[in-house]
Amino acid sequence: MGPAVPTLESVERMIPKDHLWPVDEYWNFHAGGGSFKNLHVFTEALDARYGKAASAKDFTDNRN
């Protein structure tokens, strides 16, 4: 199992406001380990399927 993006409300509790968008090392800190130590694999797959997100809200709404 790989990373899963939580709701925006949960992300806002974990990530400082100045790091909510774009996805950066603060998001990756919560991503997991191994091949999923950052969100790039997950994000690239979802971008290919749904298109690139324009905000943290867009990212969390369209990925769940």
C-alpha atoms as a PDB file:
ATOM      1  CA  MET A   1       0.000   0.000   0.000  1.00  0.00           C
ATOM      2  CA  GLY A   2       1.278   3.467  -0.838  1.00  0.00           C
ATOM      3  CA  PRO A   3       0.578   6.991   0.329  1.00  0.00           C
ATOM      4  CA  ALA A   4      -2.929   8.341   0.595  1.00  0.00           C
ATOM      5  CA  VAL A   5      -3.832  12.005   0.709  1.00  0.00           C
ATOM      6  CA  PRO A   6      -6.009  12.869   3.716  1.00  0.00           C
ATOM      7  CA  THR A   7      -8.787  15.452   3.730  1.00  0.00           C
ATOM      8  CA  LEU A   8      -7.867  19.112   3.461  1.00  0.00           C
ATOM      9  CA  GLU A   9      -8.843  19.614   7.100  1.00  0.00           C
ATOM     10  CA  SER A  10      -6.310  16.974   8.179  1.00  0.00           C
ATOM     11  CA  VAL A  11      -3.613  18.374   5.908  1.00  0.00           C
ATOM     12  CA  GLU A  12      -4.166  21.837   7.394  1.00  0.00           C
ATOM     13  CA  ARG A  13      -3.513  20.400  10.870  1.00  0.00           C
ATOM     14  CA  MET A  14      -0.236  18.785   9.742  1.00  0.00           C
ATOM     15  CA  ILE A  15       1.219  21.291   7.276  1.00  0.00           C
ATOM     16  CA  PRO A  16       2.020  24.951   8.056  1.00  0.00           C
ATOM     17  CA  LYS A  17      -0.085  27.405   6.029  1.00  0.00           C
ATOM     18  CA  ASP A  18       2.951  28.680   4.132  1.00  0.00           C
ATOM     19  CA  HIS A  19       3.649  25.117   2.917  1.00  0.00           C
ATOM     20  CA  LEU A  20       0.118  24.042   1.935  1.00  0.00           C
ATOM     21  CA  TRP A  21       0.806  24.530  -1.758  1.00  0.00           C
ATOM     22  CA  PRO A  22       2.615  23.344  -3.737  1.00  0.00           C
ATOM     23  CA  VAL A  23       3.474  19.930  -2.314  1.00  0.00           C
ATOM     24  CA  ASP A  24       6.929  20.172  -0.756  1.00  0.00           C
ATOM     25  CA  GLU A  25       9.180  18.580   1.855  1.00  0.00           C
ATOM     26  CA  TYR A  26       6.584  19.234   4.584  1.00  0.00           C
ATOM     27  CA  TRP A  27       4.088  17.024   2.764  1.00  0.00           C
ATOM     28  CA  ASN A  28       6.787  14.445   2.102  1.00  0.00           C
ATOM     29  CA  PHE A  29       7.607  14.238   5.821  1.00  0.00           C
ATOM     30  CA  HIS A  30       4.173  12.617   6.253  1.00  0.00           C
ATOM     31  CA  ALA A  31       4.329  10.474   3.100  1.00  0.00           C
ATOM     32  CA  GLY A  32       5.722   7.232   4.502  1.00  0.00           C
ATOM     33  CA  GLY A  33       8.840   5.215   3.830  1.00  0.00           C
ATOM     34  CA  GLY A  34      10.552   3.036   1.272  1.00  0.00           C
ATOM     35  CA  SER A  35       9.610   3.794  -2.326  1.00  0.00           C
ATOM     36  CA  PHE A  36       6.870   6.080  -0.986  1.00  0.00           C
ATOM     37  CA  LYS A  37       9.139   8.340   1.059  1.00  0.00           C
ATOM     38  CA  ASN A  38       7.764  11.252  -0.939  1.00  0.00           C
ATOM     39  CA  LEU A  39       4.593  11.861  -2.898  1.00  0.00           C
ATOM     40  CA  HIS A  40       6.111  12.147  -6.391  1.00  0.00           C
ATOM     41  CA  VAL A  41       5.150   8.620  -7.544  1.00  0.00           C
ATOM     42  CA  PHE A  42       1.627   9.067  -6.223  1.00  0.00           C
ATOM     43  CA  THR A  43       1.253  12.622  -7.532  1.00  0.00           C
ATOM     44  CA  GLU A  44       2.569  11.775 -11.014  1.00  0.00           C
ATOM     45  CA  ALA A  45       0.076   8.929 -11.368  1.00  0.00           C
ATOM     46  CA  LEU A  46      -2.832  11.056 -10.218  1.00  0.00           C
ATOM     47  CA  ASP A  47      -1.778  14.003 -12.388  1.00  0.00           C
ATOM     48  CA  ALA A  48      -1.768  11.671 -15.399  1.00  0.00           C
ATOM     49  CA  ARG A  49      -5.273  10.481 -14.553  1.00  0.00           C
ATOM     50  CA  TYR A  50      -6.972  13.684 -13.306  1.00  0.00           C
ATOM     51  CA  GLY A  51      -4.708  16.521 -14.447  1.00  0.00           C
ATOM     52  CA  LYS A  52      -2.519  18.717 -12.272  1.00  0.00           C
ATOM     53  CA  ALA A  53      -4.065  20.145  -9.126  1.00  0.00           C
ATOM     54  CA  ALA A  54      -4.041  23.934  -8.773  1.00  0.00           C
ATOM     55  CA  SER A  55      -4.260  24.141  -4.969  1.00  0.00           C
ATOM     56  CA  ALA A  56      -4.173  22.074  -1.791  1.00  0.00           C
ATOM     57  CA  LYS A  57      -7.988  21.984  -1.848  1.00  0.00           C
ATOM     58  CA  ASP A  58      -7.990  20.776  -5.446  1.00  0.00           C
ATOM     59  CA  PHE A  59      -5.300  18.198  -4.643  1.00  0.00           C
ATOM     60  CA  THR A  60      -7.162  16.735  -1.663  1.00  0.00           C
ATOM     61  CA  ASP A  61     -10.665  16.943  -3.173  1.00  0.00           C
ATOM     62  CA  ASN A  62      -9.776  15.201  -6.419  1.00  0.00           C
ATOM     63  CA  ARG A  63      -7.538  12.523  -4.968  1.00  0.00           C
ATOM     64  CA  ASN A  64      -9.938  10.941  -2.472  1.00  0.00           C
END
